[in-house]
Amino acid sequence: MRMKHRRKELVLFLAAILPALVAPLGATDIFKARMLTGKAPVQPPMVNVQMEIESWTTPDEIRQLQDILSQAGVDAFLALFKQMNKGTVRFMSSRGWNLPIHAAVTVPTEKGKKVLLFLNRQSWDPGSYVARGRHFFMVIELTLNAKGKGEGRFYEDAQIKLDSMLGTIEMETYESAPKIFPQVQEVVKKTPGS
């Protein structure tokens, strides 16, 4: 009898708190891509990747990161960067992992936009070995036209650069050749009644 009461309490608690934890429908920007793995013929030559951005990094957040870096050092900067949750990169294979996005920006271009996603450097494939690198970050760069189609690159060992005056974050350099996204598509959100 007591277990049933506790189960009811848990269900009521989850019902009350879940709406606050889940982003409203339509609030997430989604990009789908196909990535060349460079692992054929042992593993699939191409894997589907879905990038879900729940919120975009603001210039104030970038300034805060820069302030922490200059005042408290690299360890404090990395701790704050890791706490920022902007979305998820999902490697849609039977072995792929979901990686948190810690910074996400979009930059208008002449023919569309560029999307930059910044992650902590880690393995995206549980079966692979991550060689020790010089840099702390991974960067996904998507180049899209006005129709939301394009291509991209995945830099697994990258260094980033912050500009607190402009409130921007960008990739400064990278170590190894990037993985290629030959196909990228922004998922168009349908408005109610369309």
Protein backbone atom coordinates (compact mmCIF):
# COMPACT_ATOMS: atom_id res chain seq x y z
CA MET A 1 0.00 0.00 0.00
CA ARG A 2 2.82 2.36 0.91
CA MET A 3 4.62 1.66 -2.41
CA LYS A 4 1.50 2.65 -4.36
CA HIS A 5 1.32 5.91 -2.44
CA ARG A 6 4.97 6.67 -3.23
CA ARG A 7 4.43 5.84 -6.89
CA LYS A 8 1.50 8.27 -7.01
CA GLU A 9 3.65 10.96 -5.39
CA LEU A 10 6.40 10.35 -7.94
CA VAL A 11 3.95 10.55 -10.85
CA LEU A 12 2.46 13.78 -9.51
CA PHE A 13 5.93 15.24 -8.96
CA LEU A 14 7.01 14.35 -12.50
CA ALA A 15 3.78 15.72 -13.95
CA ALA A 16 4.40 19.02 -12.17
CA ILE A 17 8.09 19.41 -13.02
CA LEU A 18 8.32 17.86 -16.50
CA PRO A 19 6.73 20.77 -18.41
CA ALA A 20 9.36 23.11 -16.98
CA LEU A 21 12.19 20.81 -18.08
CA VAL A 22 10.99 20.12 -21.61
CA ALA A 23 11.37 22.86 -24.22
CA PRO A 24 8.13 23.91 -25.87
CA LEU A 25 7.38 22.22 -29.17
CA GLY A 26 8.82 24.12 -32.09
CA ALA A 27 11.47 25.85 -29.96
CA THR A 28 14.30 23.62 -31.19
CA ASP A 29 16.21 24.34 -34.42
CA ILE A 30 17.08 21.02 -36.08
CA PHE A 31 19.66 20.28 -38.75
CA LYS A 32 20.01 16.83 -40.34
CA ALA A 33 23.19 15.72 -42.09
CA ARG A 34 25.00 12.75 -43.55
CA MET A 35 28.61 12.43 -42.40
CA LEU A 36 31.41 10.51 -44.11
CA THR A 37 32.99 8.47 -41.31
CA GLY A 38 36.27 7.61 -43.00
CA LYS A 39 35.95 4.12 -41.47
CA ALA A 40 34.81 2.04 -44.46
CA PRO A 41 34.88 -0.91 -45.12
CA VAL A 42 35.09 -1.95 -41.44
CA GLN A 43 32.22 0.31 -40.39
CA PRO A 44 29.51 2.12 -42.35
CA PRO A 45 31.02 4.75 -44.67
CA MET A 46 28.29 7.25 -43.84
CA VAL A 47 26.27 8.00 -40.71
CA ASN A 48 23.24 10.24 -40.14
CA VAL A 49 23.75 13.10 -37.69
CA GLN A 50 21.04 15.29 -36.17
CA MET A 51 21.91 18.58 -34.49
CA GLU A 52 19.25 20.00 -32.16
CA ILE A 53 19.80 23.57 -30.95
CA GLU A 54 17.53 24.53 -28.06
CA SER A 55 18.99 28.03 -27.63
CA TRP A 56 21.64 30.17 -29.27
CA THR A 57 24.64 31.63 -27.47
CA THR A 58 24.26 35.33 -26.73
CA PRO A 59 27.01 38.00 -26.88
CA ASP A 60 26.63 38.40 -23.09
CA GLU A 61 27.37 34.70 -22.56
CA ILE A 62 30.50 35.01 -24.71
CA ARG A 63 31.63 38.05 -22.72
CA GLN A 64 31.05 36.10 -19.50
CA LEU A 65 33.21 33.25 -20.83
CA GLN A 66 35.96 35.71 -21.78
CA ASP A 67 35.81 37.38 -18.35
CA ILE A 68 36.12 34.02 -16.56
CA LEU A 69 39.03 33.03 -18.80
CA SER A 70 40.96 36.23 -18.16
CA GLN A 71 40.17 36.44 -14.43
CA ALA A 72 40.13 32.82 -13.22
CA GLY A 73 42.03 30.87 -15.89
CA VAL A 74 41.48 27.94 -18.20
CA ASP A 75 40.05 25.48 -15.66
CA ALA A 76 37.29 27.89 -14.57
CA PHE A 77 36.58 28.72 -18.21
CA LEU A 78 36.23 25.02 -19.14
CA ALA A 79 33.96 24.40 -16.13
CA LEU A 80 31.64 27.26 -17.15
CA PHE A 81 31.73 26.22 -20.82
CA LYS A 82 30.74 22.67 -19.84
CA GLN A 83 27.75 23.97 -17.83
CA MET A 84 26.31 25.81 -20.84
CA ASN A 85 23.76 23.57 -22.54
CA LYS A 86 22.61 24.71 -25.97
CA GLY A 87 21.47 21.42 -27.46
CA THR A 88 22.58 18.00 -28.61
CA VAL A 89 24.40 16.40 -31.54
CA ARG A 90 23.01 12.92 -32.14
CA PHE A 91 24.98 10.36 -34.13
CA MET A 92 22.15 8.24 -35.46
CA SER A 93 23.82 4.85 -35.64
CA SER A 94 23.55 1.79 -33.47
CA ARG A 95 26.85 2.74 -31.81
CA GLY A 96 26.68 6.53 -31.90
CA TRP A 97 26.55 8.80 -28.91
CA ASN A 98 24.71 12.01 -28.10
CA LEU A 99 27.06 14.91 -27.41
CA PRO A 100 26.06 18.16 -25.66
CA ILE A 101 26.47 21.43 -27.52
CA HIS A 102 27.94 24.10 -25.24
CA ALA A 103 27.88 27.08 -27.62
CA ALA A 104 25.90 27.68 -30.83
CA VAL A 105 25.98 30.71 -33.12
CA THR A 106 24.59 31.55 -36.52
CA VAL A 107 26.22 34.07 -38.84
CA PRO A 108 24.46 35.49 -41.92
CA THR A 109 26.31 35.03 -45.22
CA GLU A 110 25.78 36.43 -48.68
CA LYS A 111 23.79 33.38 -49.81
CA GLY A 112 22.33 32.08 -46.54
CA LYS A 113 23.95 31.44 -43.17
CA LYS A 114 26.74 29.67 -41.36
CA VAL A 115 25.98 27.70 -38.19
CA LEU A 116 28.81 27.01 -35.72
CA LEU A 117 28.42 24.49 -32.89
CA PHE A 118 31.05 24.15 -30.16
CA LEU A 119 31.51 21.01 -28.04
CA ASN A 120 34.04 19.62 -25.59
CA ARG A 121 36.52 17.33 -27.30
CA GLN A 122 35.44 13.71 -26.80
CA SER A 123 34.69 10.53 -28.69
CA TRP A 124 31.55 10.50 -30.83
CA ASP A 125 31.91 6.78 -31.56
CA PRO A 126 32.15 4.44 -28.55
CA GLY A 127 34.26 1.94 -30.51
CA SER A 128 36.95 4.38 -31.52
CA TYR A 129 40.08 5.59 -29.79
CA VAL A 130 40.47 9.35 -29.33
CA ALA A 131 44.07 10.30 -29.92
CA ARG A 132 45.47 12.85 -27.54
CA GLY A 133 45.22 16.28 -29.15
CA ARG A 134 46.46 19.77 -28.51
CA HIS A 135 43.04 21.38 -28.32
CA PHE A 136 40.06 21.17 -25.95
CA PHE A 137 37.15 21.52 -28.39
CA MET A 138 35.23 20.12 -31.34
CA VAL A 139 33.50 22.39 -33.84
CA ILE A 140 30.73 21.65 -36.33
CA GLU A 141 30.47 24.18 -39.15
CA LEU A 142 27.40 24.13 -41.41
CA THR A 143 27.15 26.31 -44.51
CA LEU A 144 23.54 26.67 -45.68
CA ASN A 145 21.86 28.48 -48.57
CA ALA A 146 18.63 30.49 -48.32
CA LYS A 147 16.60 27.25 -48.65
CA GLY A 148 18.37 25.67 -45.64
CA LYS A 149 20.42 23.19 -47.69
CA GLY A 150 24.16 22.89 -47.79
CA GLU A 151 27.21 21.10 -46.48
CA GLY A 152 29.39 21.04 -43.41
CA ARG A 153 32.52 19.96 -41.60
CA PHE A 154 33.20 18.36 -38.22
CA TYR A 155 36.52 19.36 -36.64
CA GLU A 156 37.37 16.86 -33.90
CA ASP A 157 40.42 18.73 -32.51
CA ALA A 158 39.86 22.49 -32.64
CA GLN A 159 40.80 25.65 -30.80
CA ILE A 160 38.27 28.45 -30.36
CA LYS A 161 38.63 32.21 -30.14
CA LEU A 162 36.42 34.62 -28.18
CA ASP A 163 35.99 38.31 -28.98
CA SER A 164 34.43 40.02 -25.97
CA MET A 165 34.16 43.38 -27.77
CA LEU A 166 32.02 41.94 -30.57
CA GLY A 167 30.53 39.16 -28.43
CA THR A 168 31.53 36.48 -30.93
CA ILE A 169 32.98 32.98 -30.78
CA GLU A 170 34.68 31.26 -33.69
CA MET A 171 37.11 28.49 -34.54
CA GLU A 172 40.70 29.72 -34.49
CA THR A 173 42.55 26.62 -35.70
CA TYR A 174 42.27 22.84 -35.90
CA GLU A 175 44.66 19.91 -35.81
CA SER A 176 43.34 17.02 -37.93
CA ALA A 177 41.42 16.89 -41.19
CA PRO A 178 37.68 17.38 -40.61
CA LYS A 179 34.95 14.84 -41.23
CA ILE A 180 32.75 15.97 -44.13
CA PHE A 181 28.97 16.47 -44.21
CA PRO A 182 28.22 16.33 -47.96
CA GLN A 183 24.50 16.84 -47.26
CA VAL A 184 22.96 19.13 -44.65
CA GLN A 185 19.30 20.13 -44.39
CA GLU A 186 17.63 22.46 -41.93
CA VAL A 187 14.33 21.01 -40.74
CA VAL A 188 11.59 23.52 -41.49
CA LYS A 189 9.19 23.96 -38.61
CA LYS A 190 5.56 23.88 -39.55
CA THR A 191 3.34 26.50 -38.03
CA PRO A 192 -0.09 25.46 -36.77
CA GLY A 193 -2.62 25.43 -39.59
CA SER A 194 -0.07 25.11 -42.40
